[in-house]
Amino acid sequence: MAENKKKKTFPTAPSLIGDKIYLRAATANDMTNIQQWSLLSEPQSLGCHVSRLITPDQAAERFSESNTRQDSQDFAVVRKEDNILIGKASFFNLNQLNRSTELGLIVDPDEQKKGYGKAAMHLMCRYLFKQCGLNKVYAQTAEFNEGAIKLLESLGFKRDATLRDHYFLNGRFHAGLIYSLLLFEFE
């Protein structure tokens, strides 16, 4: 008698696999959780553009409408041990001529400071450098985002620029910082 094995099902197949996490193509359903995490934080602290407060359902709808862009992609960050969504890693503003792209990351507030963000960014960099043939990845953050600065520097990113008075939060301006990592600096 053949053993009846239960198959794992995934919304999209795991494609970039690390020790603790894997990345897979994000889905509209993932965006509902990710939007909830954004709403739990200070939305304006996540970027230098005005953040529109939208519902998780609206975020899923927007994702479905914009998912055909060729210069960006969102990946679900999933914990391997239990296949639970714990974040989103993305690249955007892909420039094929200059072989560069900008990176973004959000991790569930309950899962931060456990190494998942660093693992996700490392997998993204490996994918973009080794499979996509890019020469540079970069990220922008605010001077007050100590977690992002520490993460980027721990991965070998170098500070390229300071954008003076680039973020407005809680009634005052803050500098924006641009970090980059080049192919020859990776690993």
Protein backbone atom coordinates (compact mmCIF):
# COMPACT_ATOMS: atom_id res chain seq x y z
CA MET A 1 0.00 0.00 0.00
CA ALA A 2 1.47 3.35 -1.05
CA GLU A 3 1.94 5.95 1.62
CA ASN A 4 -0.32 8.94 1.10
CA LYS A 5 2.03 11.94 1.34
CA LYS A 6 0.54 15.34 1.91
CA LYS A 7 1.89 17.83 -0.63
CA LYS A 8 2.81 21.33 0.46
CA THR A 9 1.07 23.97 -1.57
CA PHE A 10 2.47 27.44 -2.07
CA PRO A 11 0.78 30.53 -3.55
CA THR A 12 3.88 30.79 -5.75
CA ALA A 13 6.87 28.45 -5.80
CA PRO A 14 9.85 29.14 -3.52
CA SER A 15 12.58 30.39 -5.84
CA LEU A 16 15.39 32.00 -3.84
CA ILE A 17 16.17 29.75 -0.91
CA GLY A 18 18.38 30.58 2.08
CA ASP A 19 19.05 28.94 5.43
CA LYS A 20 16.13 30.46 7.40
CA ILE A 21 13.95 31.99 4.71
CA TYR A 22 13.03 31.80 1.08
CA LEU A 23 11.74 34.38 -1.36
CA ARG A 24 8.90 33.74 -3.78
CA ALA A 25 6.95 35.98 -6.11
CA ALA A 26 4.55 38.04 -4.01
CA THR A 27 0.81 37.76 -4.51
CA ALA A 28 -2.07 40.17 -3.99
CA ASN A 29 -3.02 38.25 -0.83
CA ASP A 30 0.47 38.87 0.57
CA MET A 31 -0.07 42.60 0.12
CA THR A 32 -2.94 42.59 2.61
CA ASN A 33 -0.59 41.46 5.41
CA ILE A 34 2.19 43.76 4.27
CA GLN A 35 -0.15 46.76 4.25
CA GLN A 36 -1.23 45.91 7.80
CA TRP A 37 2.45 46.00 8.89
CA SER A 38 2.84 49.38 7.19
CA LEU A 39 -0.18 50.72 9.05
CA LEU A 40 1.30 49.53 12.37
CA SER A 41 4.36 51.71 11.83
CA GLU A 42 4.63 55.44 11.26
CA PRO A 43 3.75 55.35 7.52
CA GLN A 44 5.73 58.47 6.69
CA SER A 45 8.87 56.96 8.23
CA LEU A 46 8.91 54.28 5.51
CA GLY A 47 9.74 56.64 2.62
CA CYS A 48 10.37 60.17 1.49
CA HIS A 49 7.12 60.50 -0.49
CA VAL A 50 3.68 61.18 0.92
CA SER A 51 2.19 57.91 2.13
CA ARG A 52 -1.45 57.43 1.26
CA LEU A 53 -3.28 55.53 3.92
CA ILE A 54 -5.09 52.72 2.16
CA THR A 55 -6.76 49.57 3.39
CA PRO A 56 -5.14 46.14 3.03
CA ASP A 57 -7.76 45.26 0.40
CA GLN A 58 -6.88 48.39 -1.58
CA ALA A 59 -3.19 47.42 -1.39
CA ALA A 60 -4.00 43.99 -2.85
CA GLU A 61 -6.00 45.60 -5.66
CA ARG A 62 -3.18 48.05 -6.46
CA PHE A 63 -0.68 45.20 -6.52
CA SER A 64 -2.79 43.29 -9.04
CA GLU A 65 -3.02 46.37 -11.27
CA SER A 66 0.71 47.17 -11.19
CA ASN A 67 2.16 43.67 -11.22
CA THR A 68 3.02 43.80 -14.94
CA ARG A 69 5.81 46.40 -14.65
CA GLN A 70 9.14 45.29 -16.06
CA ASP A 71 11.31 47.56 -13.88
CA SER A 72 10.27 46.15 -10.51
CA GLN A 73 9.29 43.02 -8.63
CA ASP A 74 8.01 42.23 -5.14
CA PHE A 75 9.05 39.05 -3.35
CA ALA A 76 7.37 37.53 -0.32
CA VAL A 77 9.86 36.76 2.46
CA VAL A 78 8.77 33.45 3.97
CA ARG A 79 10.13 31.66 7.05
CA LYS A 80 11.19 28.15 5.99
CA GLU A 81 10.30 26.30 9.19
CA ASP A 82 6.57 27.04 8.95
CA ASN A 83 6.05 28.74 5.54
CA ILE A 84 4.76 31.92 7.21
CA LEU A 85 4.97 35.27 5.39
CA ILE A 86 7.24 37.56 7.41
CA GLY A 87 8.19 40.32 4.98
CA LYS A 88 8.48 41.77 1.51
CA ALA A 89 11.71 42.41 -0.39
CA SER A 90 11.56 44.29 -3.65
CA PHE A 91 13.57 45.87 -6.38
CA PHE A 92 12.37 48.85 -8.41
CA ASN A 93 13.69 51.51 -10.78
CA LEU A 94 15.59 48.77 -12.61
CA ASN A 95 17.94 50.40 -15.11
CA GLN A 96 19.11 47.85 -17.67
CA LEU A 97 21.50 50.30 -19.36
CA ASN A 98 23.37 51.12 -16.14
CA ARG A 99 22.76 47.62 -14.71
CA SER A 100 21.42 48.95 -11.40
CA THR A 101 18.29 48.86 -9.27
CA GLU A 102 16.95 50.18 -5.98
CA LEU A 103 16.01 47.81 -3.14
CA GLY A 104 13.23 47.92 -0.58
CA LEU A 105 12.37 45.81 2.46
CA ILE A 106 9.65 45.58 5.07
CA VAL A 107 9.56 42.95 7.82
CA ASP A 108 6.63 42.10 10.09
CA PRO A 109 7.21 44.18 13.26
CA ASP A 110 6.92 40.98 15.36
CA GLU A 111 9.73 39.34 13.34
CA GLN A 112 12.27 42.17 13.27
CA LYS A 113 15.78 41.83 14.73
CA LYS A 114 15.89 38.08 14.07
CA GLY A 115 18.13 38.18 10.98
CA TYR A 116 15.32 37.69 8.47
CA GLY A 117 15.78 41.09 6.82
CA LYS A 118 19.50 40.55 6.35
CA ALA A 119 18.91 37.07 4.91
CA ALA A 120 16.30 38.45 2.50
CA MET A 121 18.53 41.29 1.30
CA HIS A 122 21.44 38.89 0.82
CA LEU A 123 19.28 36.58 -1.32
CA MET A 124 18.03 39.58 -3.35
CA CYS A 125 21.58 40.82 -3.94
CA ARG A 126 22.77 37.36 -4.96
CA TYR A 127 19.86 37.04 -7.39
CA LEU A 128 20.32 40.51 -8.89
CA PHE A 129 24.10 40.19 -9.24
CA LYS A 130 24.44 36.54 -10.25
CA GLN A 131 21.24 35.83 -12.21
CA CYS A 132 20.29 39.27 -13.53
CA GLY A 133 23.80 40.52 -14.28
CA LEU A 134 23.51 43.80 -12.41
CA ASN A 135 26.55 45.80 -11.35
CA LYS A 136 24.98 47.88 -8.56
CA VAL A 137 22.13 47.76 -6.08
CA TYR A 138 21.26 50.72 -3.90
CA ALA A 139 18.88 51.74 -1.15
CA GLN A 140 17.68 54.97 0.37
CA THR A 141 16.75 55.48 4.01
CA ALA A 142 16.37 58.28 6.50
CA GLU A 143 19.05 59.19 9.01
CA PHE A 144 16.67 58.24 11.84
CA ASN A 145 16.23 54.67 10.56
CA GLU A 146 19.06 53.14 12.55
CA GLY A 147 17.89 49.58 11.84
CA ALA A 148 18.09 50.06 8.06
CA ILE A 149 21.49 51.75 8.31
CA LYS A 150 22.88 48.92 10.44
CA LEU A 151 21.41 46.31 8.06
CA LEU A 152 22.85 47.92 4.94
CA GLU A 153 26.29 48.41 6.47
CA SER A 154 26.32 44.80 7.75
CA LEU A 155 25.83 43.64 4.16
CA GLY A 156 28.77 45.73 2.93
CA PHE A 157 26.80 48.64 1.48
CA LYS A 158 28.73 51.93 1.36
CA ARG A 159 27.21 55.35 1.96
CA ASP A 160 27.25 57.25 -1.34
CA ALA A 161 25.36 60.41 -0.51
CA THR A 162 23.46 62.47 2.01
CA LEU A 163 20.32 64.21 0.81
CA ARG A 164 19.88 67.18 3.11
CA ASP A 165 16.39 67.81 4.58
CA HIS A 166 14.95 65.02 2.44
CA TYR A 167 12.46 63.44 4.88
CA PHE A 168 9.82 65.38 6.81
CA LEU A 169 8.61 63.61 9.92
CA ASN A 170 7.11 64.81 13.19
CA GLY A 171 7.44 68.48 12.30
CA ARG A 172 11.08 68.51 11.23
CA PHE A 173 13.33 67.65 8.32
CA HIS A 174 15.81 64.77 8.32
CA ALA A 175 18.60 63.81 5.97
CA GLY A 176 18.17 60.97 3.52
CA LEU A 177 21.04 58.54 3.05
CA ILE A 178 21.84 56.62 -0.12
CA TYR A 179 23.80 53.38 0.17
CA SER A 180 25.05 51.14 -2.62
CA LEU A 181 26.76 47.80 -3.13
CA LEU A 182 28.72 46.92 -6.26
CA LEU A 183 29.08 43.48 -7.79
CA PHE A 184 32.79 43.22 -6.93
CA GLU A 185 32.03 44.07 -3.28
CA PHE A 186 29.44 41.32 -2.89
CA GLU A 187 30.53 38.31 -0.79
